[in-house]
Amino acid sequence: MADYTPLQTVNQLPWTSTASASITGGQLVEVTGSGSVGPAAADSQRVVGVAAHDTPNGARVTVHPLAGLVHELVAGAGGVTAGQALKVGASAGEVLPLSGSAMRVGSALTSAAAGAKVQVLGGVAAGGAAPATTLFGSANLNFGSIAAAGQLELTITVTGAAVGDAVVLAPPAAPDAGLVWAGRVSAANTVTVRLVNVMAAPIDPPAATWGAQVIKAA
């Protein structure tokens, strides 16, 4: 695999460690010793992040942390469904629905069949406990034509969401170039998705499924 970069970051900086085994970029890594990491084992309870690049045994590896970042991983056998809590699957690059005492590595923002890529909002906790209460909702949104330098808003129902909660959006696979989006909880149980057209001509995006992950305020 080539170099790996998370889909979205929130000011969390990568860090470096020593590889205790050969690591592939995009693999989940776990602590394997003092100052070292290696590919995460199935159901690992020691996951710390995602490798940024291929690294041979003994070399320095850059690691992107999990919490607060949107990662693109691979769904394991049976696939995953948007909103599910996830753990390390059979290999270090895969994720599966959380079970048993495995560490929670994040929440699925999109659904994916086995072997397909899935967007994951990272957030670790041992023993299957969530580091924060998270909610999920999705809807097929048809914004219509957005004027040059204009914007439009539509909503997604997320039961339990409250004003002040944080929102991470899961856009469709191929959003139109020239669109910028943001999400917020605008009212109880309601996430508003705003699309802004930064181009000098109108954009009429096709109807598509948008997801919204809501992280409850402490």
Protein backbone atom coordinates (compact mmCIF):
# COMPACT_ATOMS: atom_id res chain seq x y z
CA MET A 1 0.00 0.00 0.00
CA ALA A 2 1.17 3.55 -0.68
CA ASP A 3 1.39 6.28 1.93
CA TYR A 4 -1.77 6.58 4.03
CA THR A 5 -3.51 9.79 5.17
CA PRO A 6 -6.78 10.02 7.16
CA LEU A 7 -9.81 11.42 5.32
CA GLN A 8 -10.41 14.12 7.93
CA THR A 9 -8.38 15.39 10.88
CA VAL A 10 -9.14 17.66 13.81
CA ASN A 11 -5.70 19.05 14.77
CA GLN A 12 -4.36 15.68 15.98
CA LEU A 13 -0.75 15.32 14.86
CA PRO A 14 0.89 12.01 13.90
CA TRP A 15 3.72 10.62 16.02
CA THR A 16 6.54 8.12 15.44
CA SER A 17 7.58 4.81 16.93
CA THR A 18 9.84 1.87 16.06
CA ALA A 19 8.34 -0.98 14.03
CA SER A 20 8.67 -4.35 15.77
CA ALA A 21 7.66 -6.13 12.54
CA SER A 22 7.03 -5.22 8.92
CA ILE A 23 4.10 -2.76 8.73
CA THR A 24 1.97 -1.79 5.73
CA GLY A 25 0.63 1.73 5.34
CA GLY A 26 -3.05 1.85 6.36
CA GLN A 27 -2.77 -0.96 8.90
CA LEU A 28 -4.01 -0.54 12.45
CA VAL A 29 -1.04 -0.78 14.81
CA GLU A 30 -0.78 -1.78 18.47
CA VAL A 31 1.82 -1.32 21.19
CA THR A 32 4.17 -4.30 21.12
CA GLY A 33 6.86 -3.17 23.53
CA SER A 34 8.62 -0.18 25.04
CA GLY A 35 8.69 2.42 22.25
CA SER A 36 7.56 -0.01 19.55
CA VAL A 37 4.43 -0.86 17.56
CA GLY A 38 3.42 -3.60 15.16
CA PRO A 39 0.39 -4.70 13.10
CA ALA A 40 -2.63 -5.00 15.38
CA ALA A 41 -3.78 -8.55 16.09
CA ALA A 42 -7.41 -9.62 15.79
CA ASP A 43 -9.51 -8.34 18.74
CA SER A 44 -6.50 -6.33 19.98
CA GLN A 45 -6.83 -4.30 23.19
CA ARG A 46 -3.66 -2.27 22.51
CA VAL A 47 -4.50 -0.37 19.30
CA VAL A 48 -2.99 3.13 19.11
CA GLY A 49 -3.43 4.29 15.52
CA VAL A 50 -3.00 3.71 11.79
CA ALA A 51 0.38 3.43 10.04
CA ALA A 52 1.13 6.27 7.62
CA HIS A 53 3.46 4.30 5.34
CA ASP A 54 5.11 0.94 4.66
CA THR A 55 7.89 0.30 7.19
CA PRO A 56 10.37 -2.56 7.56
CA ASN A 57 11.10 -4.20 10.90
CA GLY A 58 13.28 -1.97 13.06
CA ALA A 59 12.65 1.28 11.17
CA ARG A 60 10.74 4.33 12.36
CA VAL A 61 7.05 4.46 11.47
CA THR A 62 4.70 7.44 11.53
CA VAL A 63 1.36 6.71 13.19
CA HIS A 64 -1.90 8.65 12.83
CA PRO A 65 -3.89 8.56 16.10
CA LEU A 66 -7.42 7.18 16.14
CA ALA A 67 -9.46 9.57 18.27
CA GLY A 68 -11.21 12.36 16.41
CA LEU A 69 -9.92 11.42 12.95
CA VAL A 70 -11.92 9.92 10.08
CA HIS A 71 -9.98 6.93 8.74
CA GLU A 72 -10.57 4.82 5.64
CA LEU A 73 -10.14 1.14 6.50
CA VAL A 74 -11.37 -2.17 5.05
CA ALA A 75 -14.45 -4.10 6.18
CA GLY A 76 -13.74 -7.65 7.24
CA ALA A 77 -15.76 -10.83 6.65
CA GLY A 78 -19.50 -10.14 6.75
CA GLY A 79 -19.03 -6.41 6.24
CA VAL A 80 -20.05 -3.56 8.54
CA THR A 81 -23.08 -1.27 8.83
CA ALA A 82 -23.00 2.47 9.37
CA GLY A 83 -23.28 3.30 13.07
CA GLN A 84 -21.69 0.08 14.34
CA ALA A 85 -18.85 0.15 16.87
CA LEU A 86 -15.78 -1.54 15.38
CA LYS A 87 -12.80 -3.65 16.41
CA VAL A 88 -9.71 -5.00 14.63
CA GLY A 89 -10.64 -7.83 12.27
CA ALA A 90 -8.72 -10.90 11.18
CA SER A 91 -5.93 -8.75 9.74
CA ALA A 92 -4.50 -5.40 10.86
CA GLY A 93 -6.05 -3.54 7.94
CA GLU A 94 -9.60 -4.79 8.56
CA VAL A 95 -12.38 -3.85 10.95
CA LEU A 96 -15.40 -5.82 12.15
CA PRO A 97 -18.40 -5.09 14.42
CA LEU A 98 -17.30 -4.85 18.06
CA SER A 99 -17.74 -7.96 20.19
CA GLY A 100 -16.39 -9.52 23.37
CA SER A 101 -13.59 -7.71 25.19
CA ALA A 102 -11.91 -6.30 22.08
CA MET A 103 -10.93 -2.63 22.02
CA ARG A 104 -13.28 -0.29 20.23
CA VAL A 105 -11.27 1.43 17.50
CA GLY A 106 -14.11 3.63 16.24
CA SER A 107 -17.56 3.85 14.70
CA ALA A 108 -18.53 3.11 11.10
CA LEU A 109 -19.68 6.23 9.26
CA THR A 110 -20.56 4.25 6.13
CA SER A 111 -21.74 0.73 5.36
CA ALA A 112 -19.42 -1.61 3.44
CA ALA A 113 -19.39 -5.19 2.21
CA ALA A 114 -16.48 -7.48 3.06
CA GLY A 115 -13.30 -6.25 1.37
CA ALA A 116 -14.70 -2.78 0.62
CA LYS A 117 -13.47 0.48 2.12
CA VAL A 118 -15.33 1.92 5.09
CA GLN A 119 -15.10 5.35 6.71
CA VAL A 120 -14.39 5.10 10.43
CA LEU A 121 -14.56 7.83 13.06
CA GLY A 122 -11.74 6.79 15.38
CA GLY A 123 -12.19 6.59 19.14
CA VAL A 124 -10.58 3.93 21.33
CA ALA A 125 -11.82 2.30 24.50
CA ALA A 126 -11.05 -1.08 26.05
CA GLY A 127 -13.62 -3.68 26.94
CA GLY A 128 -16.15 -2.55 24.35
CA ALA A 129 -16.97 0.72 26.11
CA ALA A 130 -17.37 3.83 24.00
CA PRO A 131 -15.15 6.81 24.88
CA ALA A 132 -18.16 9.05 24.28
CA THR A 133 -21.79 8.52 23.40
CA THR A 134 -22.17 8.55 19.63
CA LEU A 135 -25.27 8.55 17.45
CA PHE A 136 -25.72 8.01 13.74
CA GLY A 137 -28.25 8.83 11.06
CA SER A 138 -28.36 8.97 7.27
CA ALA A 139 -30.68 10.23 4.56
CA ASN A 140 -30.90 10.57 0.80
CA LEU A 141 -30.46 14.30 0.17
CA ASN A 142 -31.31 16.09 -3.08
CA PHE A 143 -30.10 19.69 -2.79
CA GLY A 144 -31.07 20.81 -6.28
CA SER A 145 -29.12 23.52 -8.09
CA ILE A 146 -26.82 25.62 -5.91
CA ALA A 147 -26.06 29.07 -7.33
CA ALA A 148 -22.51 30.29 -7.84
CA ALA A 149 -21.12 31.33 -4.45
CA GLY A 150 -24.44 30.19 -2.94
CA GLN A 151 -25.44 27.59 -0.40
CA LEU A 152 -28.33 25.26 0.44
CA GLU A 153 -29.24 23.27 3.55
CA LEU A 154 -31.09 20.00 4.12
CA THR A 155 -31.55 17.92 7.26
CA ILE A 156 -30.90 14.41 8.57
CA THR A 157 -32.80 12.95 11.51
CA VAL A 158 -30.46 11.69 14.24
CA THR A 159 -32.51 10.59 17.25
CA GLY A 160 -31.01 11.85 20.50
CA ALA A 161 -28.94 14.66 18.96
CA ALA A 162 -29.02 17.97 20.83
CA VAL A 163 -27.80 21.46 20.03
CA GLY A 164 -24.15 21.72 21.05
CA ASP A 165 -23.22 18.13 20.12
CA ALA A 166 -20.36 17.65 17.67
CA VAL A 167 -21.09 16.42 14.14
CA VAL A 168 -18.94 14.52 11.64
CA LEU A 169 -20.43 14.14 8.16
CA ALA A 170 -19.99 11.14 5.87
CA PRO A 171 -20.37 12.51 2.32
CA PRO A 172 -21.14 10.37 -0.73
CA ALA A 173 -18.24 8.62 -2.44
CA ALA A 174 -17.80 11.19 -5.21
CA PRO A 175 -19.07 14.66 -4.22
CA ASP A 176 -19.00 17.33 -6.92
CA ALA A 177 -15.82 19.39 -7.17
CA GLY A 178 -16.37 22.90 -5.92
CA LEU A 179 -18.64 21.95 -3.02
CA VAL A 180 -17.74 22.51 0.63
CA TRP A 181 -19.90 21.03 3.37
CA ALA A 182 -20.49 21.42 7.09
CA GLY A 183 -22.87 19.89 9.60
CA ARG A 184 -24.41 21.04 12.88
CA VAL A 185 -27.18 20.01 15.25
CA SER A 186 -29.72 22.72 14.50
CA ALA A 187 -32.53 21.38 16.71
CA ALA A 188 -33.34 18.33 18.79
CA ASN A 189 -32.88 15.13 16.74
CA THR A 190 -31.90 17.18 13.65
CA VAL A 191 -28.57 17.56 11.87
CA THR A 192 -28.43 20.27 9.22
CA VAL A 193 -26.09 19.69 6.27
CA ARG A 194 -24.94 22.85 4.49
CA LEU A 195 -23.46 22.68 0.99
CA VAL A 196 -21.57 25.74 -0.25
CA ASN A 197 -20.75 26.23 -3.93
CA VAL A 198 -17.34 27.95 -4.18
CA MET A 199 -17.34 27.92 -7.99
CA ALA A 200 -18.32 30.71 -10.40
CA ALA A 201 -21.12 28.63 -11.97
CA PRO A 202 -24.13 26.75 -10.55
CA ILE A 203 -23.72 23.16 -9.37
CA ASP A 204 -26.61 20.69 -9.27
CA PRO A 205 -25.38 17.69 -7.27
CA PRO A 206 -27.27 14.42 -7.76
CA ALA A 207 -29.33 12.99 -4.94
CA ALA A 208 -27.07 10.92 -2.69
CA THR A 209 -26.90 9.36 0.77
CA TRP A 210 -25.26 11.48 3.45
CA GLY A 211 -24.41 10.18 6.91
CA ALA A 212 -24.04 12.12 10.15
CA GLN A 213 -22.20 10.91 13.24
CA VAL A 214 -23.12 12.90 16.37
CA ILE A 215 -20.82 12.92 19.39
CA LYS A 216 -22.70 13.84 22.52
CA ALA A 217 -21.40 16.81 24.51
CA ALA A 218 -20.01 15.88 27.92
